[in-house]
Amino acid sequence: MCTLQMSRNQEIANLLFDVAEGLQAAGERGFRVMAYGRAAQRIARMPEDVEVLCEMGHLRDIEGVGESIGAKVEEYLRSGMLGYLRQVRGAITRAVKALM
């Protein structure tokens, strides 16, 4: 049986796509949603390893990765979790409950 292992860049990109989708589902519109989506796209296409760039202090050299998104990527690389994604998912839950 052959299993495919996801690259670390793709893992981070998927995380940022999840944040963008979560923000949109929670009612956020505009710049923030697009910023997370663009950063995810750039990281997914990078030949360099995002984790190595982070260790070297060059994470914010990636186009579209500023202070806020960079801090979230660093948090995930350090801890394996992203508190902001949990917060966004909580906002979705609250929005759904409000609709009901």
N, C-alpha and C. Protein backbone atom coordinates (compact mmCIF):
# COMPACT_ATOMS: atom_id res chain seq x y z
N MET A 1 0.84 -1.18 0.00
CA MET A 1 0.00 0.00 0.00
C MET A 1 0.89 1.24 0.00
N CYS A 2 0.59 2.16 -0.87
CA CYS A 2 1.37 3.38 -1.01
C CYS A 2 0.61 4.53 -0.37
N THR A 3 1.29 5.27 0.49
CA THR A 3 0.66 6.45 1.09
C THR A 3 1.45 7.67 0.68
N LEU A 4 0.74 8.73 0.40
CA LEU A 4 1.38 9.98 0.03
C LEU A 4 1.51 10.85 1.27
N GLN A 5 2.67 11.41 1.45
CA GLN A 5 2.89 12.29 2.58
C GLN A 5 2.79 13.73 2.10
N MET A 6 2.01 14.53 2.80
CA MET A 6 1.83 15.92 2.44
C MET A 6 3.08 16.70 2.84
N SER A 7 3.53 17.59 1.96
CA SER A 7 4.68 18.43 2.28
C SER A 7 4.30 19.41 3.39
N ARG A 8 5.30 19.87 4.10
CA ARG A 8 5.06 20.85 5.17
C ARG A 8 4.47 22.13 4.59
N ASN A 9 4.94 22.54 3.40
CA ASN A 9 4.39 23.73 2.76
C ASN A 9 2.90 23.54 2.47
N GLN A 10 2.53 22.38 1.96
CA GLN A 10 1.13 22.14 1.64
C GLN A 10 0.29 22.09 2.92
N GLU A 11 0.85 21.54 3.97
CA GLU A 11 0.17 21.49 5.27
C GLU A 11 -0.14 22.91 5.77
N ILE A 12 0.85 23.80 5.70
CA ILE A 12 0.67 25.18 6.12
C ILE A 12 -0.32 25.89 5.20
N ALA A 13 -0.21 25.65 3.90
CA ALA A 13 -1.14 26.25 2.94
C ALA A 13 -2.56 25.82 3.23
N ASN A 14 -2.77 24.54 3.49
CA ASN A 14 -4.12 24.05 3.82
C ASN A 14 -4.66 24.71 5.08
N LEU A 15 -3.80 24.92 6.05
CA LEU A 15 -4.20 25.57 7.28
C LEU A 15 -4.66 27.01 7.00
N LEU A 16 -3.90 27.72 6.18
CA LEU A 16 -4.27 29.10 5.84
C LEU A 16 -5.54 29.14 4.99
N PHE A 17 -5.71 28.18 4.09
CA PHE A 17 -6.97 28.09 3.33
C PHE A 17 -8.14 27.86 4.28
N ASP A 18 -7.94 27.01 5.29
CA ASP A 18 -9.00 26.77 6.29
C ASP A 18 -9.37 28.05 7.03
N VAL A 19 -8.37 28.84 7.37
CA VAL A 19 -8.64 30.11 8.04
C VAL A 19 -9.45 31.02 7.11
N ALA A 20 -9.03 31.13 5.85
CA ALA A 20 -9.74 31.98 4.89
C ALA A 20 -11.19 31.54 4.73
N GLU A 21 -11.40 30.25 4.59
CA GLU A 21 -12.76 29.72 4.43
C GLU A 21 -13.57 29.94 5.70
N GLY A 22 -12.93 29.76 6.85
CA GLY A 22 -13.62 29.98 8.12
C GLY A 22 -14.03 31.42 8.31
N LEU A 23 -13.13 32.34 7.96
CA LEU A 23 -13.46 33.76 8.06
C LEU A 23 -14.64 34.11 7.16
N GLN A 24 -14.61 33.57 5.97
CA GLN A 24 -15.69 33.83 5.02
C GLN A 24 -17.01 33.25 5.53
N ALA A 25 -16.98 32.04 6.06
CA ALA A 25 -18.19 31.41 6.58
C ALA A 25 -18.74 32.15 7.79
N ALA A 26 -17.85 32.81 8.54
CA ALA A 26 -18.27 33.56 9.72
C ALA A 26 -18.77 34.95 9.36
N GLY A 27 -18.74 35.29 8.06
CA GLY A 27 -19.27 36.57 7.63
C GLY A 27 -18.23 37.62 7.29
N GLU A 28 -16.96 37.29 7.44
CA GLU A 28 -15.89 38.22 7.10
C GLU A 28 -15.82 38.36 5.58
N ARG A 29 -15.60 39.55 5.13
CA ARG A 29 -15.49 39.80 3.69
C ARG A 29 -14.24 40.63 3.42
N GLY A 30 -13.75 40.55 2.23
CA GLY A 30 -12.71 41.46 1.79
C GLY A 30 -11.29 41.04 2.06
N PHE A 31 -10.51 42.02 2.50
CA PHE A 31 -9.06 41.91 2.54
C PHE A 31 -8.55 40.72 3.33
N ARG A 32 -9.04 40.51 4.53
CA ARG A 32 -8.49 39.43 5.37
C ARG A 32 -8.67 38.07 4.73
N VAL A 33 -9.84 37.81 4.18
CA VAL A 33 -10.08 36.53 3.52
C VAL A 33 -9.12 36.35 2.35
N MET A 34 -8.99 37.39 1.55
CA MET A 34 -8.10 37.32 0.38
C MET A 34 -6.65 37.20 0.81
N ALA A 35 -6.25 37.87 1.88
CA ALA A 35 -4.86 37.83 2.33
C ALA A 35 -4.46 36.41 2.74
N TYR A 36 -5.33 35.73 3.49
CA TYR A 36 -5.02 34.35 3.89
C TYR A 36 -4.98 33.43 2.67
N GLY A 37 -5.91 33.62 1.74
CA GLY A 37 -5.92 32.80 0.53
C GLY A 37 -4.68 33.00 -0.32
N ARG A 38 -4.27 34.26 -0.48
CA ARG A 38 -3.05 34.54 -1.28
C ARG A 38 -1.80 33.97 -0.62
N ALA A 39 -1.70 34.14 0.69
CA ALA A 39 -0.53 33.60 1.39
C ALA A 39 -0.49 32.08 1.25
N ALA A 40 -1.64 31.45 1.36
CA ALA A 40 -1.72 29.99 1.21
C ALA A 40 -1.26 29.56 -0.18
N GLN A 41 -1.71 30.26 -1.20
CA GLN A 41 -1.33 29.92 -2.57
C GLN A 41 0.18 30.05 -2.78
N ARG A 42 0.74 31.12 -2.26
CA ARG A 42 2.19 31.33 -2.44
C ARG A 42 3.00 30.27 -1.72
N ILE A 43 2.60 29.94 -0.50
CA ILE A 43 3.34 28.93 0.26
C ILE A 43 3.22 27.56 -0.41
N ALA A 44 2.05 27.24 -0.93
CA ALA A 44 1.85 25.95 -1.60
C ALA A 44 2.74 25.80 -2.82
N ARG A 45 3.04 26.89 -3.51
CA ARG A 45 3.84 26.83 -4.74
C ARG A 45 5.33 27.03 -4.53
N MET A 46 5.74 27.34 -3.30
CA MET A 46 7.15 27.62 -3.04
C MET A 46 8.01 26.36 -3.13
N PRO A 47 9.17 26.46 -3.78
CA PRO A 47 10.07 25.31 -3.77
C PRO A 47 10.85 25.21 -2.45
N GLU A 48 11.03 26.34 -1.76
CA GLU A 48 11.74 26.36 -0.49
C GLU A 48 10.84 25.83 0.62
N ASP A 49 11.43 25.23 1.61
CA ASP A 49 10.69 24.70 2.75
C ASP A 49 10.35 25.85 3.70
N VAL A 50 9.07 26.07 3.94
CA VAL A 50 8.62 27.17 4.78
C VAL A 50 9.15 27.03 6.21
N GLU A 51 9.32 25.81 6.67
CA GLU A 51 9.83 25.59 8.01
C GLU A 51 11.29 26.05 8.13
N VAL A 52 12.08 25.79 7.11
CA VAL A 52 13.47 26.23 7.09
C VAL A 52 13.54 27.75 7.04
N LEU A 53 12.70 28.36 6.22
CA LEU A 53 12.66 29.82 6.14
C LEU A 53 12.30 30.42 7.50
N CYS A 54 11.38 29.80 8.19
CA CYS A 54 10.98 30.26 9.51
C CYS A 54 12.15 30.18 10.49
N GLU A 55 12.84 29.07 10.48
CA GLU A 55 14.00 28.88 11.37
C GLU A 55 15.09 29.91 11.10
N MET A 56 15.22 30.32 9.84
CA MET A 56 16.23 31.30 9.46
C MET A 56 15.77 32.73 9.69
N GLY A 57 14.52 32.90 10.09
CA GLY A 57 13.99 34.24 10.31
C GLY A 57 13.55 34.95 9.04
N HIS A 58 13.28 34.18 7.98
CA HIS A 58 12.92 34.77 6.69
C HIS A 58 11.47 34.50 6.29
N LEU A 59 10.65 34.13 7.23
CA LEU A 59 9.27 33.81 6.92
C LEU A 59 8.53 35.00 6.30
N ARG A 60 8.80 36.18 6.83
CA ARG A 60 8.10 37.38 6.34
C ARG A 60 8.66 37.89 5.01
N ASP A 61 9.69 37.22 4.50
CA ASP A 61 10.19 37.55 3.17
C ASP A 61 9.28 36.97 2.09
N ILE A 62 8.41 36.05 2.47
CA ILE A 62 7.47 35.46 1.52
C ILE A 62 6.42 36.51 1.20
N GLU A 63 6.22 36.77 -0.07
CA GLU A 63 5.21 37.76 -0.48
C GLU A 63 3.84 37.35 0.06
N GLY A 64 3.18 38.28 0.72
CA GLY A 64 1.86 38.00 1.27
C GLY A 64 1.87 37.53 2.71
N VAL A 65 3.05 37.27 3.26
CA VAL A 65 3.15 36.84 4.65
C VAL A 65 3.71 38.01 5.46
N GLY A 66 2.80 38.70 6.11
CA GLY A 66 3.20 39.83 6.94
C GLY A 66 3.30 39.41 8.39
N GLU A 67 3.22 40.39 9.26
CA GLU A 67 3.40 40.14 10.69
C GLU A 67 2.32 39.21 11.24
N SER A 68 1.07 39.46 10.91
CA SER A 68 -0.04 38.68 11.48
C SER A 68 -0.04 37.23 10.99
N ILE A 69 0.00 37.05 9.69
CA ILE A 69 -0.01 35.69 9.14
C ILE A 69 1.28 34.97 9.51
N GLY A 70 2.40 35.67 9.47
CA GLY A 70 3.68 35.07 9.85
C GLY A 70 3.66 34.57 11.29
N ALA A 71 3.07 35.34 12.19
CA ALA A 71 2.99 34.91 13.59
C ALA A 71 2.16 33.65 13.73
N LYS A 72 1.11 33.55 12.95
CA LYS A 72 0.25 32.36 13.01
C LYS A 72 0.96 31.13 12.44
N VAL A 73 1.71 31.32 11.37
CA VAL A 73 2.49 30.21 10.81
C VAL A 73 3.55 29.76 11.82
N GLU A 74 4.22 30.72 12.44
CA GLU A 74 5.22 30.38 13.46
C GLU A 74 4.58 29.62 14.62
N GLU A 75 3.41 30.07 15.07
CA GLU A 75 2.71 29.38 16.16
C GLU A 75 2.44 27.93 15.79
N TYR A 76 1.95 27.71 14.57
CA TYR A 76 1.64 26.36 14.12
C TYR A 76 2.91 25.50 14.02
N LEU A 77 3.97 26.07 13.48
CA LEU A 77 5.22 25.31 13.35
C LEU A 77 5.80 24.97 14.72
N ARG A 78 5.63 25.85 15.69
CA ARG A 78 6.15 25.63 17.04
C ARG A 78 5.32 24.62 17.82
N SER A 79 3.98 24.75 17.73
CA SER A 79 3.11 23.97 18.62
C SER A 79 2.30 22.88 17.92
N GLY A 80 2.19 22.97 16.60
CA GLY A 80 1.34 22.02 15.88
C GLY A 80 -0.13 22.36 15.96
N MET A 81 -0.43 23.53 16.51
CA MET A 81 -1.82 23.98 16.65
C MET A 81 -1.90 25.45 16.27
N LEU A 82 -3.11 25.88 15.94
CA LEU A 82 -3.33 27.28 15.63
C LEU A 82 -4.58 27.75 16.36
N GLY A 83 -4.37 28.49 17.42
CA GLY A 83 -5.47 28.99 18.24
C GLY A 83 -6.43 29.86 17.44
N TYR A 84 -5.91 30.62 16.49
CA TYR A 84 -6.76 31.49 15.69
C TYR A 84 -7.77 30.70 14.87
N LEU A 85 -7.38 29.54 14.37
CA LEU A 85 -8.31 28.71 13.60
C LEU A 85 -9.45 28.23 14.50
N ARG A 86 -9.13 27.87 15.73
CA ARG A 86 -10.18 27.48 16.68
C ARG A 86 -11.12 28.64 16.95
N GLN A 87 -10.56 29.83 17.07
CA GLN A 87 -11.36 31.03 17.29
C GLN A 87 -12.29 31.28 16.10
N VAL A 88 -11.77 31.15 14.90
CA VAL A 88 -12.58 31.35 13.68
C VAL A 88 -13.70 30.31 13.62
N ARG A 89 -13.36 29.06 13.91
CA ARG A 89 -14.38 28.01 13.90
C ARG A 89 -15.45 28.28 14.94
N GLY A 90 -15.08 28.85 16.08
CA GLY A 90 -16.05 29.22 17.10
C GLY A 90 -16.98 30.30 16.61
N ALA A 91 -16.45 31.24 15.83
CA ALA A 91 -17.28 32.30 15.26
C ALA A 91 -18.29 31.74 14.28
N ILE A 92 -17.90 30.71 13.55
CA ILE A 92 -18.83 30.06 12.62
C ILE A 92 -19.98 29.43 13.41
N THR A 93 -19.63 28.75 14.48
CA THR A 93 -20.64 28.10 15.31
C THR A 93 -21.62 29.14 15.86
N ARG A 94 -21.09 30.27 16.34
CA ARG A 94 -21.97 31.32 16.86
C ARG A 94 -22.86 31.89 15.77
N ALA A 95 -22.31 32.06 14.56
CA ALA A 95 -23.09 32.59 13.44
C ALA A 95 -24.22 31.62 13.07
N VAL A 96 -23.93 30.34 13.06
CA VAL A 96 -24.95 29.33 12.73
C VAL A 96 -26.04 29.33 13.79
N LYS A 97 -25.64 29.39 15.06
CA LYS A 97 -26.63 29.41 16.15
C LYS A 97 -27.52 30.65 16.06
N ALA A 98 -26.95 31.79 15.66
CA ALA A 98 -27.73 33.03 15.53
C ALA A 98 -28.77 32.89 14.42
N LEU A 99 -28.42 32.15 13.38
CA LEU A 99 -29.36 31.95 12.27
C LEU A 99 -30.53 31.05 12.69
N MET A 100 -30.27 30.16 13.62
CA MET A 100 -31.30 29.24 14.05
C MET A 100 -32.20 29.93 15.04
